[in-house]
Amino acid sequence: MKKIIVSITTIALVIFVSIGLFACAGAGYDGYSNGSSAAGQDKLDGGYIGSTNTTPITADRKIIKNVYQYIDTDSFDDFVTAMKDKITELEGSVDSARISSNGGLRTASYTVRIPAGNLYTFTERVDDIAVITRYDESLVDVTASYIDTDSRIKVLESSEKSLLKMLESAESVAEILVIDERLTEVQADLASLRAQKESYDNRIAYSTVWVTVSEVREARENEVGFFDEVGAVFKDSLHDIGNGLRSFGVWLLGDSLYILMTLLAIAVLATPAIIFVRHRKRKLPRPATDKSDTEKSDNQNE
């Protein structure tokens, strides 16, 4: 009995310690998504990219910032106008836009480029004029890759200069061909690395914000009362039922000609089959009545 108690106690202690370790590990990790714009600003001002990377964010770091915003608004046109005005004011641009409609309510997706220094000004402005249902942000430190690319460019530029000098002093055709082949390879690598560096510079200087706007009948914050939420869902249900009936009426009246033609075609095709079946039933011999059954029925009648 004592051995059993000791074993149970030991197992309980192991489980307790494991839970404590996992809890500490979870508390130590601080993800960089699903936060508000203000929270994102606090993490950035703290000088670190997440808690797993202790590299301080300084002026010489190369950081690519991307933001995903999901927004509900009951004033779709006003919001889009205000957002575009803010983008222009902050010297940004809209790279792409797509708008769709479902049941009379619109959904729009925008890809916005904003100068990195104005990113949080833009996200805070959006937060002021609409309800943000979700906010995700990512910071990618490309400093090491950027420095490596820059160093390789400098090495290749030095090689290019040396090859050009060798090409000028080459005397034979064979030397010229060998040097020219190597020079072509170096210049191709240079073009690729310069394009990569330009891409880094562009993505570092301008943050990308993916904005998804959903038009709703009533924009409401995440924290609402129980009965308010029930009432809102009930209103949505009534509206959806009304839209369904309206769509059915539009289909019924709009396609009435096709419906009548389809019914007429079915009637035309089914009529010969019905006539044939009825005619065949008439030709079939009637089953003979059992004599005993007939006598029984006669006796009962008497």
C-alpha atoms as a PDB file:
ATOM      1  CA  MET A   1       0.000   0.000   0.000  1.00  0.00           C
ATOM      2  CA  LYS A   2       2.823   2.361   0.908  1.00  0.00           C
ATOM      3  CA  LYS A   3       4.548   1.632  -2.419  1.00  0.00           C
ATOM      4  CA  ILE A   4       1.366   2.540  -4.276  1.00  0.00           C
ATOM      5  CA  ILE A   5       1.031   5.831  -2.375  1.00  0.00           C
ATOM      6  CA  VAL A   6       4.689   6.699  -3.035  1.00  0.00           C
ATOM      7  CA  SER A   7       4.271   5.934  -6.744  1.00  0.00           C
ATOM      8  CA  ILE A   8       1.128   8.067  -7.022  1.00  0.00           C
ATOM      9  CA  THR A   9       2.847  10.931  -5.173  1.00  0.00           C
ATOM     10  CA  THR A  10       5.882  10.732  -7.459  1.00  0.00           C
ATOM     11  CA  ILE A  11       3.728  10.751 -10.606  1.00  0.00           C
ATOM     12  CA  ALA A  12       1.730  13.713  -9.282  1.00  0.00           C
ATOM     13  CA  LEU A  13       4.933  15.667  -8.595  1.00  0.00           C
ATOM     14  CA  VAL A  14       6.267  14.935 -12.088  1.00  0.00           C
ATOM     15  CA  ILE A  15       3.003  16.095 -13.675  1.00  0.00           C
ATOM     16  CA  PHE A  16       2.954  19.227 -11.506  1.00  0.00           C
ATOM     17  CA  VAL A  17       6.545  20.141 -12.412  1.00  0.00           C
ATOM     18  CA  SER A  18       5.875  19.513 -16.122  1.00  0.00           C
ATOM     19  CA  ILE A  19       2.809  21.769 -16.062  1.00  0.00           C
ATOM     20  CA  GLY A  20       4.858  24.458 -14.349  1.00  0.00           C
ATOM     21  CA  LEU A  21       7.605  24.253 -16.960  1.00  0.00           C
ATOM     22  CA  PHE A  22       5.114  24.442 -19.850  1.00  0.00           C
ATOM     23  CA  ALA A  23       3.383  27.402 -18.209  1.00  0.00           C
ATOM     24  CA  CYS A  24       6.664  29.254 -17.848  1.00  0.00           C
ATOM     25  CA  ALA A  25       7.553  28.506 -21.442  1.00  0.00           C
ATOM     26  CA  GLY A  26       4.169  29.751 -22.623  1.00  0.00           C
ATOM     27  CA  ALA A  27       4.454  32.939 -20.577  1.00  0.00           C
ATOM     28  CA  GLY A  28       7.904  33.583 -21.972  1.00  0.00           C
ATOM     29  CA  TYR A  29       6.735  33.428 -25.576  1.00  0.00           C
ATOM     30  CA  ASP A  30       5.164  36.609 -26.827  1.00  0.00           C
ATOM     31  CA  GLY A  31       3.788  36.170 -30.350  1.00  0.00           C
ATOM     32  CA  TYR A  32       3.489  39.092 -32.686  1.00  0.00           C
ATOM     33  CA  SER A  33       0.012  38.590 -34.065  1.00  0.00           C
ATOM     34  CA  ASN A  34      -3.623  39.040 -33.128  1.00  0.00           C
ATOM     35  CA  GLY A  35      -2.849  42.203 -31.218  1.00  0.00           C
ATOM     36  CA  SER A  36      -4.201  45.715 -31.564  1.00  0.00           C
ATOM     37  CA  SER A  37      -2.314  48.490 -33.278  1.00  0.00           C
ATOM     38  CA  ALA A  38      -1.415  49.992 -29.942  1.00  0.00           C
ATOM     39  CA  ALA A  39      -0.031  46.685 -28.706  1.00  0.00           C
ATOM     40  CA  GLY A  40       2.004  46.348 -31.865  1.00  0.00           C
ATOM     41  CA  GLN A  41       3.437  49.810 -31.282  1.00  0.00           C
ATOM     42  CA  ASP A  42       4.415  48.913 -27.720  1.00  0.00           C
ATOM     43  CA  LYS A  43       6.282  45.808 -28.882  1.00  0.00           C
ATOM     44  CA  LEU A  44       8.117  47.779 -31.500  1.00  0.00           C
ATOM     45  CA  ASP A  45       9.005  50.565 -29.096  1.00  0.00           C
ATOM     46  CA  GLY A  46      10.373  47.933 -26.744  1.00  0.00           C
ATOM     47  CA  GLY A  47      13.142  47.390 -29.273  1.00  0.00           C
ATOM     48  CA  TYR A  48      12.785  43.666 -29.948  1.00  0.00           C
ATOM     49  CA  ILE A  49      11.248  41.421 -32.567  1.00  0.00           C
ATOM     50  CA  GLY A  50       9.244  39.000 -30.458  1.00  0.00           C
ATOM     51  CA  SER A  51      10.638  37.480 -27.284  1.00  0.00           C
ATOM     52  CA  THR A  52      12.618  34.694 -28.962  1.00  0.00           C
ATOM     53  CA  ASN A  53      14.867  37.196 -30.724  1.00  0.00           C
ATOM     54  CA  THR A  54      16.798  39.474 -28.400  1.00  0.00           C
ATOM     55  CA  THR A  55      18.315  41.535 -31.197  1.00  0.00           C
ATOM     56  CA  PRO A  56      17.465  45.190 -30.520  1.00  0.00           C
ATOM     57  CA  ILE A  57      15.665  47.139 -33.237  1.00  0.00           C
ATOM     58  CA  THR A  58      18.010  50.003 -34.000  1.00  0.00           C
ATOM     59  CA  ALA A  59      18.251  52.402 -36.900  1.00  0.00           C
ATOM     60  CA  ASP A  60      20.695  50.182 -38.773  1.00  0.00           C
ATOM     61  CA  ARG A  61      18.471  47.078 -38.635  1.00  0.00           C
ATOM     62  CA  LYS A  62      16.657  46.081 -41.818  1.00  0.00           C
ATOM     63  CA  ILE A  63      13.054  45.262 -40.844  1.00  0.00           C
ATOM     64  CA  ILE A  64      10.200  44.331 -43.185  1.00  0.00           C
ATOM     65  CA  LYS A  65       6.800  45.090 -41.620  1.00  0.00           C
ATOM     66  CA  ASN A  66       3.554  43.539 -42.838  1.00  0.00           C
ATOM     67  CA  VAL A  67       0.073  44.045 -41.393  1.00  0.00           C
ATOM     68  CA  TYR A  68      -3.243  42.234 -41.934  1.00  0.00           C
ATOM     69  CA  GLN A  69      -6.408  44.098 -40.892  1.00  0.00           C
ATOM     70  CA  TYR A  70      -9.936  42.661 -40.941  1.00  0.00           C
ATOM     71  CA  ILE A  71     -12.592  45.340 -40.589  1.00  0.00           C
ATOM     72  CA  ASP A  72     -16.378  45.589 -40.164  1.00  0.00           C
ATOM     73  CA  THR A  73     -18.177  48.780 -41.130  1.00  0.00           C
ATOM     74  CA  ASP A  74     -21.802  49.860 -41.555  1.00  0.00           C
ATOM     75  CA  SER A  75     -20.709  52.869 -43.657  1.00  0.00           C
ATOM     76  CA  PHE A  76     -18.814  51.162 -46.451  1.00  0.00           C
ATOM     77  CA  ASP A  77     -18.479  54.066 -48.872  1.00  0.00           C
ATOM     78  CA  ASP A  78     -17.533  56.572 -46.165  1.00  0.00           C
ATOM     79  CA  PHE A  79     -14.900  54.229 -44.774  1.00  0.00           C
ATOM     80  CA  VAL A  80     -13.312  53.524 -48.164  1.00  0.00           C
ATOM     81  CA  THR A  81     -13.192  57.254 -48.957  1.00  0.00           C
ATOM     82  CA  ALA A  82     -11.638  58.094 -45.575  1.00  0.00           C
ATOM     83  CA  MET A  83      -9.107  55.254 -45.913  1.00  0.00           C
ATOM     84  CA  LYS A  84      -8.008  56.350 -49.387  1.00  0.00           C
ATOM     85  CA  ASP A  85      -7.673  59.963 -48.213  1.00  0.00           C
ATOM     86  CA  LYS A  86      -5.447  58.811 -45.352  1.00  0.00           C
ATOM     87  CA  ILE A  87      -3.326  56.721 -47.708  1.00  0.00           C
ATOM     88  CA  THR A  88      -2.764  59.754 -49.933  1.00  0.00           C
ATOM     89  CA  GLU A  89      -2.000  61.956 -46.923  1.00  0.00           C
ATOM     90  CA  LEU A  90       0.643  59.492 -45.690  1.00  0.00           C
ATOM     91  CA  GLU A  91       2.228  59.240 -49.166  1.00  0.00           C
ATOM     92  CA  GLY A  92       1.142  55.650 -49.656  1.00  0.00           C
ATOM     93  CA  SER A  93      -0.564  53.877 -52.525  1.00  0.00           C
ATOM     94  CA  VAL A  94      -3.138  51.172 -53.266  1.00  0.00           C
ATOM     95  CA  ASP A  95      -1.467  48.368 -55.216  1.00  0.00           C
ATOM     96  CA  SER A  96      -4.626  46.326 -55.783  1.00  0.00           C
ATOM     97  CA  ALA A  97      -8.321  46.354 -54.897  1.00  0.00           C
ATOM     98  CA  ARG A  98     -11.135  43.838 -55.287  1.00  0.00           C
ATOM     99  CA  ILE A  99     -14.803  44.343 -54.357  1.00  0.00           C
ATOM    100  CA  SER A 100     -17.528  41.701 -54.326  1.00  0.00           C
ATOM    101  CA  SER A 101     -21.154  41.624 -53.179  1.00  0.00           C
ATOM    102  CA  ASN A 102     -23.225  38.953 -51.476  1.00  0.00           C
ATOM    103  CA  GLY A 103     -26.833  39.505 -50.486  1.00  0.00           C
ATOM    104  CA  GLY A 104     -26.498  43.249 -50.934  1.00  0.00           C
ATOM    105  CA  LEU A 105     -23.510  43.504 -48.564  1.00  0.00           C
ATOM    106  CA  ARG A 106     -20.082  44.244 -49.995  1.00  0.00           C
ATOM    107  CA  THR A 107     -16.650  42.885 -49.184  1.00  0.00           C
ATOM    108  CA  ALA A 108     -13.444  44.562 -50.347  1.00  0.00           C
ATOM    109  CA  SER A 109      -9.791  43.571 -50.237  1.00  0.00           C
ATOM    110  CA  TYR A 110      -7.032  46.162 -50.580  1.00  0.00           C
ATOM    111  CA  THR A 111      -3.272  45.831 -50.781  1.00  0.00           C
ATOM    112  CA  VAL A 112      -1.833  49.074 -49.446  1.00  0.00           C
ATOM    113  CA  ARG A 113       1.773  50.269 -49.418  1.00  0.00           C
ATOM    114  CA  ILE A 114       2.587  52.751 -46.668  1.00  0.00           C
ATOM    115  CA  PRO A 115       5.958  54.316 -45.745  1.00  0.00           C
ATOM    116  CA  ALA A 116       7.265  52.305 -42.801  1.00  0.00           C
ATOM    117  CA  GLY A 117       7.496  55.397 -40.634  1.00  0.00           C
ATOM    118  CA  ASN A 118       3.779  56.095 -41.134  1.00  0.00           C
ATOM    119  CA  LEU A 119       2.544  52.524 -40.659  1.00  0.00           C
ATOM    120  CA  TYR A 120       1.117  52.903 -37.154  1.00  0.00           C
ATOM    121  CA  THR A 121      -0.367  56.293 -37.958  1.00  0.00           C
ATOM    122  CA  PHE A 122      -2.357  54.587 -40.711  1.00  0.00           C
ATOM    123  CA  THR A 123      -3.467  51.582 -38.632  1.00  0.00           C
ATOM    124  CA  GLU A 124      -4.533  53.833 -35.741  1.00  0.00           C
ATOM    125  CA  ARG A 125      -6.555  55.992 -38.115  1.00  0.00           C
ATOM    126  CA  VAL A 126      -8.339  52.902 -39.458  1.00  0.00           C
ATOM    127  CA  ASP A 127      -9.040  51.820 -35.880  1.00  0.00           C
ATOM    128  CA  ASP A 128     -10.719  55.187 -35.242  1.00  0.00           C
ATOM    129  CA  ILE A 129     -13.191  55.016 -38.136  1.00  0.00           C
ATOM    130  CA  ALA A 130     -14.166  51.316 -38.161  1.00  0.00           C
ATOM    131  CA  VAL A 131     -14.349  48.181 -36.037  1.00  0.00           C
ATOM    132  CA  ILE A 132     -11.230  46.029 -36.363  1.00  0.00           C
ATOM    133  CA  THR A 133     -12.186  42.400 -35.826  1.00  0.00           C
ATOM    134  CA  ARG A 134      -8.682  41.042 -36.296  1.00  0.00           C
ATOM    135  CA  TYR A 135      -5.188  42.518 -36.488  1.00  0.00           C
ATOM    136  CA  ASP A 136      -2.067  40.539 -37.414  1.00  0.00           C
ATOM    137  CA  GLU A 137       1.403  41.991 -37.752  1.00  0.00           C
ATOM    138  CA  SER A 138       4.728  40.444 -38.715  1.00  0.00           C
ATOM    139  CA  LEU A 139       8.229  41.854 -38.472  1.00  0.00           C
ATOM    140  CA  VAL A 140      10.947  40.159 -40.485  1.00  0.00           C
ATOM    141  CA  ASP A 141      14.561  41.031 -39.724  1.00  0.00           C
ATOM    142  CA  VAL A 142      16.516  40.684 -42.988  1.00  0.00           C
ATOM    143  CA  THR A 143      19.632  42.472 -41.742  1.00  0.00           C
ATOM    144  CA  ALA A 144      21.958  39.470 -42.100  1.00  0.00           C
ATOM    145  CA  SER A 145      20.703  38.626 -45.598  1.00  0.00           C
ATOM    146  CA  TYR A 146      20.840  42.294 -46.611  1.00  0.00           C
ATOM    147  CA  ILE A 147      24.456  42.671 -45.435  1.00  0.00           C
ATOM    148  CA  ASP A 148      25.432  39.427 -47.158  1.00  0.00           C
ATOM    149  CA  THR A 149      23.838  40.567 -50.425  1.00  0.00           C
ATOM    150  CA  ASP A 150      25.542  43.942 -50.201  1.00  0.00           C
ATOM    151  CA  SER A 151      28.938  42.319 -49.543  1.00  0.00           C
ATOM    152  CA  ARG A 152      28.544  39.969 -52.506  1.00  0.00           C
ATOM    153  CA  ILE A 153      27.667  42.926 -54.725  1.00  0.00           C
ATOM    154  CA  LYS A 154      30.860  44.733 -53.696  1.00  0.00           C
ATOM    155  CA  VAL A 155      32.987  41.641 -54.370  1.00  0.00           C
ATOM    156  CA  LEU A 156      31.429  41.133 -57.788  1.00  0.00           C
ATOM    157  CA  GLU A 157      31.830  44.838 -58.648  1.00  0.00           C
ATOM    158  CA  SER A 158      35.525  44.538 -57.829  1.00  0.00           C
ATOM    159  CA  SER A 159      35.760  41.416 -60.002  1.00  0.00           C
ATOM    160  CA  GLU A 160      33.962  43.228 -62.818  1.00  0.00           C
ATOM    161  CA  LYS A 161      36.489  46.083 -62.737  1.00  0.00           C
ATOM    162  CA  SER A 162      39.406  43.647 -62.792  1.00  0.00           C
ATOM    163  CA  LEU A 163      37.925  41.692 -65.700  1.00  0.00           C
ATOM    164  CA  LEU A 164      37.311  44.880 -67.672  1.00  0.00           C
ATOM    165  CA  LYS A 165      40.975  45.876 -67.223  1.00  0.00           C
ATOM    166  CA  MET A 166      42.098  42.388 -68.258  1.00  0.00           C
ATOM    167  CA  LEU A 167      39.818  42.578 -71.299  1.00  0.00           C
ATOM    168  CA  GLU A 168      41.445  45.845 -72.383  1.00  0.00           C
ATOM    169  CA  SER A 169      44.942  44.361 -72.129  1.00  0.00           C
ATOM    170  CA  ALA A 170      44.114  40.984 -73.677  1.00  0.00           C
ATOM    171  CA  GLU A 171      46.121  40.232 -76.820  1.00  0.00           C
ATOM    172  CA  SER A 172      44.752  36.971 -78.174  1.00  0.00           C
ATOM    173  CA  VAL A 173      41.261  35.991 -79.220  1.00  0.00           C
ATOM    174  CA  ALA A 174      41.315  33.028 -76.829  1.00  0.00           C
ATOM    175  CA  GLU A 175      42.036  35.321 -73.865  1.00  0.00           C
ATOM    176  CA  ILE A 176      39.279  37.702 -74.914  1.00  0.00           C
ATOM    177  CA  LEU A 177      36.745  34.882 -75.171  1.00  0.00           C
ATOM    178  CA  VAL A 178      37.634  33.455 -71.754  1.00  0.00           C
ATOM    179  CA  ILE A 179      37.569  36.859 -70.054  1.00  0.00           C
ATOM    180  CA  ASP A 180      34.338  37.854 -71.785  1.00  0.00           C
ATOM    181  CA  GLU A 181      32.626  34.617 -70.692  1.00  0.00           C
ATOM    182  CA  ARG A 182      33.633  35.169 -67.091  1.00  0.00           C
ATOM    183  CA  LEU A 183      32.626  38.837 -67.288  1.00  0.00           C
ATOM    184  CA  THR A 184      29.155  37.844 -68.545  1.00  0.00           C
ATOM    185  CA  GLU A 185      28.687  35.505 -65.571  1.00  0.00           C
ATOM    186  CA  VAL A 186      29.783  38.187 -63.099  1.00  0.00           C
ATOM    187  CA  GLN A 187      27.483  40.801 -64.606  1.00  0.00           C
ATOM    188  CA  ALA A 188      24.512  38.375 -64.539  1.00  0.00           C
ATOM    189  CA  ASP A 189      25.145  37.644 -60.846  1.00  0.00           C
ATOM    190  CA  LEU A 190      25.471  41.372 -60.190  1.00  0.00           C
ATOM    191  CA  ALA A 191      22.135  42.112 -61.856  1.00  0.00           C
ATOM    192  CA  SER A 192      20.399  39.409 -59.791  1.00  0.00           C
ATOM    193  CA  LEU A 193      21.895  40.598 -56.488  1.00  0.00           C
ATOM    194  CA  ARG A 194      21.139  44.251 -57.219  1.00  0.00           C
ATOM    195  CA  ALA A 195      17.512  43.360 -57.969  1.00  0.00           C
ATOM    196  CA  GLN A 196      17.356  41.440 -54.679  1.00  0.00           C
ATOM    197  CA  LYS A 197      18.785  44.412 -52.788  1.00  0.00           C
ATOM    198  CA  GLU A 198      16.334  46.795 -54.463  1.00  0.00           C
ATOM    199  CA  SER A 199      13.491  44.477 -53.443  1.00  0.00           C
ATOM    200  CA  TYR A 200      14.731  44.554 -49.846  1.00  0.00           C
ATOM    201  CA  ASP A 201      15.018  48.347 -49.926  1.00  0.00           C
ATOM    202  CA  ASN A 202      11.493  48.701 -51.271  1.00  0.00           C
ATOM    203  CA  ARG A 203       9.910  46.322 -48.760  1.00  0.00           C
ATOM    204  CA  ILE A 204      11.842  47.904 -45.891  1.00  0.00           C
ATOM    205  CA  ALA A 205      10.964  51.472 -46.854  1.00  0.00           C
ATOM    206  CA  TYR A 206       7.289  50.672 -47.548  1.00  0.00           C
ATOM    207  CA  SER A 207       5.225  48.403 -45.321  1.00  0.00           C
ATOM    208  CA  THR A 208       2.464  46.298 -46.866  1.00  0.00           C
ATOM    209  CA  VAL A 209      -1.005  46.390 -45.306  1.00  0.00           C
ATOM    210  CA  TRP A 210      -3.640  43.913 -46.442  1.00  0.00           C
ATOM    211  CA  VAL A 211      -7.034  45.372 -45.570  1.00  0.00           C
ATOM    212  CA  THR A 212     -10.204  43.256 -45.758  1.00  0.00           C
ATOM    213  CA  VAL A 213     -13.384  45.329 -45.319  1.00  0.00           C
ATOM    214  CA  SER A 214     -16.743  43.663 -44.675  1.00  0.00           C
ATOM    215  CA  GLU A 215     -19.944  45.680 -44.913  1.00  0.00           C
ATOM    216  CA  VAL A 216     -22.363  44.833 -42.099  1.00  0.00           C
ATOM    217  CA  ARG A 217     -25.764  46.169 -41.151  1.00  0.00           C
ATOM    218  CA  GLU A 218     -24.493  47.191 -37.735  1.00  0.00           C
ATOM    219  CA  ALA A 219     -20.814  47.353 -36.821  1.00  0.00           C
ATOM    220  CA  ARG A 220     -20.301  46.364 -33.225  1.00  0.00           C
ATOM    221  CA  GLU A 221     -17.333  45.827 -30.962  1.00  0.00           C
ATOM    222  CA  ASN A 222     -16.256  42.353 -29.930  1.00  0.00           C
ATOM    223  CA  GLU A 223     -17.446  42.851 -26.355  1.00  0.00           C
ATOM    224  CA  VAL A 224     -21.248  43.146 -26.482  1.00  0.00           C
ATOM    225  CA  GLY A 225     -24.013  42.081 -24.127  1.00  0.00           C
ATOM    226  CA  PHE A 226     -25.728  38.725 -24.438  1.00  0.00           C
ATOM    227  CA  PHE A 227     -29.166  40.117 -25.326  1.00  0.00           C
ATOM    228  CA  ASP A 228     -27.640  42.677 -27.689  1.00  0.00           C
ATOM    229  CA  GLU A 229     -25.874  39.860 -29.507  1.00  0.00           C
ATOM    230  CA  VAL A 230     -29.075  37.770 -29.634  1.00  0.00           C
ATOM    231  CA  GLY A 231     -30.998  40.750 -31.004  1.00  0.00           C
ATOM    232  CA  ALA A 232     -28.342  41.415 -33.638  1.00  0.00           C
ATOM    233  CA  VAL A 233     -28.333  37.771 -34.744  1.00  0.00           C
ATOM    234  CA  PHE A 234     -32.155  37.792 -34.870  1.00  0.00           C
ATOM    235  CA  LYS A 235     -32.093  40.884 -37.080  1.00  0.00           C
ATOM    236  CA  ASP A 236     -29.529  39.230 -39.328  1.00  0.00           C
ATOM    237  CA  SER A 237     -31.742  36.154 -39.600  1.00  0.00           C
ATOM    238  CA  LEU A 238     -34.781  38.229 -40.586  1.00  0.00           C
ATOM    239  CA  HIS A 239     -32.722  40.089 -43.147  1.00  0.00           C
ATOM    240  CA  ASP A 240     -31.352  36.847 -44.586  1.00  0.00           C
ATOM    241  CA  ILE A 241     -34.857  35.348 -44.798  1.00  0.00           C
ATOM    242  CA  GLY A 242     -36.094  38.489 -46.564  1.00  0.00           C
ATOM    243  CA  ASN A 243     -33.211  38.308 -49.024  1.00  0.00           C
ATOM    244  CA  GLY A 244     -33.927  34.621 -49.616  1.00  0.00           C
ATOM    245  CA  LEU A 245     -37.612  35.249 -50.354  1.00  0.00           C
ATOM    246  CA  ARG A 246     -36.725  38.171 -52.592  1.00  0.00           C
ATOM    247  CA  SER A 247     -34.204  36.064 -54.520  1.00  0.00           C
ATOM    248  CA  PHE A 248     -36.773  33.279 -54.885  1.00  0.00           C
ATOM    249  CA  GLY A 249     -39.381  35.718 -56.195  1.00  0.00           C
ATOM    250  CA  VAL A 250     -36.909  37.212 -58.666  1.00  0.00           C
ATOM    251  CA  TRP A 251     -35.978  33.730 -59.888  1.00  0.00           C
ATOM    252  CA  LEU A 252     -39.608  32.567 -60.133  1.00  0.00           C
ATOM    253  CA  LEU A 253     -40.805  35.594 -62.089  1.00  0.00           C
ATOM    254  CA  GLY A 254     -37.669  36.143 -64.099  1.00  0.00           C
ATOM    255  CA  ASP A 255     -37.379  32.525 -65.230  1.00  0.00           C
ATOM    256  CA  SER A 256     -41.136  31.855 -65.470  1.00  0.00           C
ATOM    257  CA  LEU A 257     -40.936  31.316 -69.236  1.00  0.00           C
ATOM    258  CA  TYR A 258     -38.244  28.659 -68.847  1.00  0.00           C
ATOM    259  CA  ILE A 259     -40.214  27.030 -66.022  1.00  0.00           C
ATOM    260  CA  LEU A 260     -43.402  26.866 -68.142  1.00  0.00           C
ATOM    261  CA  MET A 261     -41.497  25.467 -71.114  1.00  0.00           C
ATOM    262  CA  THR A 262     -39.902  22.818 -68.885  1.00  0.00           C
ATOM    263  CA  LEU A 263     -43.274  21.785 -67.417  1.00  0.00           C
ATOM    264  CA  LEU A 264     -44.810  21.672 -70.903  1.00  0.00           C
ATOM    265  CA  ALA A 265     -41.981  19.483 -72.182  1.00  0.00           C
ATOM    266  CA  ILE A 266     -42.410  17.105 -69.226  1.00  0.00           C
ATOM    267  CA  ALA A 267     -46.172  16.920 -69.889  1.00  0.00           C
ATOM    268  CA  VAL A 268     -45.648  16.200 -73.592  1.00  0.00           C
ATOM    269  CA  LEU A 269     -43.120  13.454 -72.853  1.00  0.00           C
ATOM    270  CA  ALA A 270     -45.166  11.919 -70.030  1.00  0.00           C
ATOM    271  CA  THR A 271     -48.572  11.860 -71.808  1.00  0.00           C
ATOM    272  CA  PRO A 272     -47.794   8.958 -74.230  1.00  0.00           C
ATOM    273  CA  ALA A 273     -46.380   6.909 -71.365  1.00  0.00           C
ATOM    274  CA  ILE A 274     -49.504   7.478 -69.254  1.00  0.00           C
ATOM    275  CA  ILE A 275     -51.811   6.561 -72.168  1.00  0.00           C
ATOM    276  CA  PHE A 276     -49.797   3.427 -72.887  1.00  0.00           C
ATOM    277  CA  VAL A 277     -49.927   2.272 -69.254  1.00  0.00           C
ATOM    278  CA  ARG A 278     -53.695   2.815 -69.002  1.00  0.00           C
ATOM    279  CA  HIS A 279     -54.324   1.037 -72.299  1.00  0.00           C
ATOM    280  CA  ARG A 280     -52.230  -1.936 -71.223  1.00  0.00           C
ATOM    281  CA  LYS A 281     -54.130  -2.211 -67.917  1.00  0.00           C
ATOM    282  CA  ARG A 282     -57.448  -2.449 -69.808  1.00  0.00           C
ATOM    283  CA  LYS A 283     -56.190  -5.326 -71.984  1.00  0.00           C
ATOM    284  CA  LEU A 284     -54.981  -7.389 -69.053  1.00  0.00           C
ATOM    285  CA  PRO A 285     -57.438 -10.266 -68.119  1.00  0.00           C
ATOM    286  CA  ARG A 286     -59.232  -9.858 -64.867  1.00  0.00           C
ATOM    287  CA  PRO A 287     -58.331 -12.461 -62.213  1.00  0.00           C
ATOM    288  CA  ALA A 288     -60.909 -15.281 -61.822  1.00  0.00           C
ATOM    289  CA  THR A 289     -62.952 -15.115 -58.651  1.00  0.00           C
ATOM    290  CA  ASP A 290     -62.564 -18.090 -56.357  1.00  0.00           C
ATOM    291  CA  LYS A 291     -65.789 -20.162 -56.274  1.00  0.00           C
ATOM    292  CA  SER A 292     -65.698 -20.765 -52.551  1.00  0.00           C
ATOM    293  CA  ASP A 293     -65.345 -17.064 -51.908  1.00  0.00           C
ATOM    294  CA  THR A 294     -68.348 -16.426 -54.160  1.00  0.00           C
ATOM    295  CA  GLU A 295     -70.474 -18.955 -52.330  1.00  0.00           C
ATOM    296  CA  LYS A 296     -69.514 -17.508 -48.961  1.00  0.00           C
ATOM    297  CA  SER A 297     -70.512 -14.065 -50.093  1.00  0.00           C
ATOM    298  CA  ASP A 298     -73.856 -15.396 -51.389  1.00  0.00           C
ATOM    299  CA  ASN A 299     -74.584 -17.141 -48.096  1.00  0.00           C
ATOM    300  CA  GLN A 300     -73.836 -13.987 -46.199  1.00  0.00           C
ATOM    301  CA  ASN A 301     -76.182 -12.022 -48.437  1.00  0.00           C
ATOM    302  CA  GLU A 302     -79.005 -14.519 -47.835  1.00  0.00           C
END
